[in-house]
Amino acid sequence: MSAGEKARAKAEQVVGKAIRKVAHAVHNDTVAAKGAALQTRGAMRGAKERTKDSFKH
């Protein structure tokens, strides 16, 4: 797994979590859902890359 992909996955998780928390604070459910989706996409990207790494070894 390249370092760039790891960073991208982690960045999506962090940004998604921040967006979700801010949206919940201002009671904006639509934006909160988009933040949760971004966070989940980052988690899935990280899982995909970890799986690829496990097959390389």
N, C-alpha and C. Protein backbone atom coordinates (compact mmCIF):
# COMPACT_ATOMS: atom_id res chain seq x y z
N MET A 1 0.85 -1.18 0.00
CA MET A 1 0.00 0.00 0.00
C MET A 1 0.88 1.22 0.00
N SER A 2 0.62 2.12 -0.90
CA SER A 2 1.44 3.32 -0.96
C SER A 2 1.10 4.25 0.20
N ALA A 3 2.07 5.03 0.56
CA ALA A 3 1.87 5.98 1.65
C ALA A 3 0.80 7.00 1.29
N GLY A 4 0.73 7.34 0.02
CA GLY A 4 -0.29 8.30 -0.43
C GLY A 4 -1.69 7.78 -0.24
N GLU A 5 -1.91 6.51 -0.53
CA GLU A 5 -3.24 5.92 -0.35
C GLU A 5 -3.59 5.82 1.13
N LYS A 6 -2.62 5.49 1.96
CA LYS A 6 -2.86 5.44 3.41
C LYS A 6 -3.28 6.81 3.91
N ALA A 7 -2.55 7.83 3.47
CA ALA A 7 -2.84 9.20 3.90
C ALA A 7 -4.21 9.63 3.40
N ARG A 8 -4.54 9.28 2.18
CA ARG A 8 -5.83 9.67 1.62
C ARG A 8 -6.97 9.02 2.39
N ALA A 9 -6.82 7.74 2.73
CA ALA A 9 -7.85 7.05 3.49
C ALA A 9 -8.03 7.67 4.87
N LYS A 10 -6.93 7.96 5.54
CA LYS A 10 -7.01 8.54 6.88
C LYS A 10 -7.59 9.95 6.82
N ALA A 11 -7.20 10.72 5.80
CA ALA A 11 -7.72 12.08 5.66
C ALA A 11 -9.23 12.07 5.44
N GLU A 12 -9.72 11.15 4.63
CA GLU A 12 -11.16 11.06 4.41
C GLU A 12 -11.88 10.72 5.71
N GLN A 13 -11.30 9.85 6.50
CA GLN A 13 -11.93 9.48 7.77
C GLN A 13 -11.99 10.68 8.71
N VAL A 14 -10.88 11.41 8.82
CA VAL A 14 -10.81 12.54 9.75
C VAL A 14 -11.73 13.67 9.30
N VAL A 15 -11.69 14.00 8.02
CA VAL A 15 -12.54 15.08 7.50
C VAL A 15 -14.01 14.70 7.63
N GLY A 16 -14.36 13.46 7.30
CA GLY A 16 -15.74 13.02 7.41
C GLY A 16 -16.25 13.09 8.83
N LYS A 17 -15.42 12.69 9.77
CA LYS A 17 -15.82 12.74 11.18
C LYS A 17 -16.03 14.18 11.64
N ALA A 18 -15.14 15.08 11.22
CA ALA A 18 -15.27 16.48 11.60
C ALA A 18 -16.54 17.09 11.01
N ILE A 19 -16.80 16.81 9.74
CA ILE A 19 -18.00 17.34 9.10
C ILE A 19 -19.25 16.82 9.81
N ARG A 20 -19.23 15.53 10.11
CA ARG A 20 -20.39 14.91 10.77
C ARG A 20 -20.66 15.55 12.13
N LYS A 21 -19.61 15.76 12.92
CA LYS A 21 -19.79 16.32 14.26
C LYS A 21 -20.27 17.77 14.20
N VAL A 22 -19.72 18.56 13.29
CA VAL A 22 -20.16 19.95 13.16
C VAL A 22 -21.61 20.00 12.69
N ALA A 23 -21.97 19.16 11.75
CA ALA A 23 -23.34 19.15 11.23
C ALA A 23 -24.33 18.73 12.32
N HIS A 24 -23.94 17.77 13.14
CA HIS A 24 -24.82 17.39 14.25
C HIS A 24 -24.98 18.54 15.23
N ALA A 25 -23.93 19.30 15.45
CA ALA A 25 -23.99 20.41 16.39
C ALA A 25 -24.96 21.49 15.92
N VAL A 26 -25.06 21.69 14.62
CA VAL A 26 -25.96 22.71 14.09
C VAL A 26 -27.26 22.11 13.57
N HIS A 27 -27.48 20.83 13.85
CA HIS A 27 -28.72 20.12 13.51
C HIS A 27 -29.00 20.10 12.01
N ASN A 28 -27.98 19.80 11.23
CA ASN A 28 -28.12 19.67 9.79
C ASN A 28 -27.90 18.20 9.43
N ASP A 29 -28.99 17.46 9.33
CA ASP A 29 -28.90 16.02 9.12
C ASP A 29 -28.38 15.65 7.74
N THR A 30 -28.66 16.45 6.73
CA THR A 30 -28.20 16.15 5.38
C THR A 30 -26.68 16.19 5.31
N VAL A 31 -26.09 17.23 5.84
CA VAL A 31 -24.64 17.35 5.82
C VAL A 31 -24.01 16.31 6.74
N ALA A 32 -24.67 15.99 7.84
CA ALA A 32 -24.16 14.95 8.74
C ALA A 32 -24.09 13.61 8.02
N ALA A 33 -25.08 13.31 7.20
CA ALA A 33 -25.08 12.06 6.45
C ALA A 33 -23.95 12.05 5.42
N LYS A 34 -23.70 13.19 4.78
CA LYS A 34 -22.60 13.26 3.82
C LYS A 34 -21.25 13.07 4.52
N GLY A 35 -21.12 13.64 5.72
CA GLY A 35 -19.89 13.45 6.49
C GLY A 35 -19.70 12.00 6.89
N ALA A 36 -20.78 11.36 7.29
CA ALA A 36 -20.70 9.95 7.66
C ALA A 36 -20.33 9.10 6.45
N ALA A 37 -20.85 9.45 5.29
CA ALA A 37 -20.52 8.70 4.07
C ALA A 37 -19.04 8.87 3.73
N LEU A 38 -18.53 10.08 3.88
CA LEU A 38 -17.11 10.33 3.61
C LEU A 38 -16.23 9.54 4.59
N GLN A 39 -16.63 9.53 5.84
CA GLN A 39 -15.89 8.79 6.86
C GLN A 39 -15.89 7.29 6.53
N THR A 40 -17.02 6.76 6.15
CA THR A 40 -17.13 5.35 5.80
C THR A 40 -16.31 5.03 4.55
N ARG A 41 -16.34 5.92 3.57
CA ARG A 41 -15.56 5.69 2.36
C ARG A 41 -14.07 5.62 2.69
N GLY A 42 -13.61 6.48 3.60
CA GLY A 42 -12.21 6.43 4.02
C GLY A 42 -11.88 5.14 4.73
N ALA A 43 -12.80 4.66 5.56
CA ALA A 43 -12.57 3.41 6.27
C ALA A 43 -12.52 2.23 5.29
N MET A 44 -13.38 2.25 4.30
CA MET A 44 -13.39 1.16 3.32
C MET A 44 -12.14 1.22 2.43
N ARG A 45 -11.70 2.42 2.09
CA ARG A 45 -10.48 2.55 1.29
C ARG A 45 -9.29 1.99 2.09
N GLY A 46 -9.23 2.28 3.38
CA GLY A 46 -8.16 1.76 4.22
C GLY A 46 -8.22 0.24 4.33
N ALA A 47 -9.42 -0.31 4.45
CA ALA A 47 -9.58 -1.76 4.53
C ALA A 47 -9.15 -2.42 3.23
N LYS A 48 -9.49 -1.81 2.11
CA LYS A 48 -9.10 -2.36 0.81
C LYS A 48 -7.58 -2.40 0.68
N GLU A 49 -6.93 -1.33 1.08
CA GLU A 49 -5.49 -1.26 0.96
C GLU A 49 -4.80 -2.24 1.92
N ARG A 50 -5.35 -2.41 3.12
CA ARG A 50 -4.79 -3.39 4.06
C ARG A 50 -4.93 -4.81 3.51
N THR A 51 -6.06 -5.08 2.84
CA THR A 51 -6.27 -6.40 2.24
C THR A 51 -5.26 -6.63 1.12
N LYS A 52 -5.02 -5.63 0.30
CA LYS A 52 -4.03 -5.77 -0.76
C LYS A 52 -2.65 -6.04 -0.17
N ASP A 53 -2.31 -5.37 0.92
CA ASP A 53 -1.03 -5.59 1.57
C ASP A 53 -0.90 -7.01 2.09
N SER A 54 -1.98 -7.56 2.62
CA SER A 54 -1.90 -8.90 3.20
C SER A 54 -1.60 -9.95 2.13
N PHE A 55 -2.04 -9.72 0.90
CA PHE A 55 -1.78 -10.67 -0.17
C PHE A 55 -0.37 -10.53 -0.74
N LYS A 56 0.24 -9.38 -0.53
CA LYS A 56 1.60 -9.16 -1.05
C LYS A 56 2.66 -9.89 -0.22
N HIS A 57 2.34 -10.20 1.02
CA HIS A 57 3.35 -10.80 1.91
C HIS A 57 3.24 -12.27 1.95
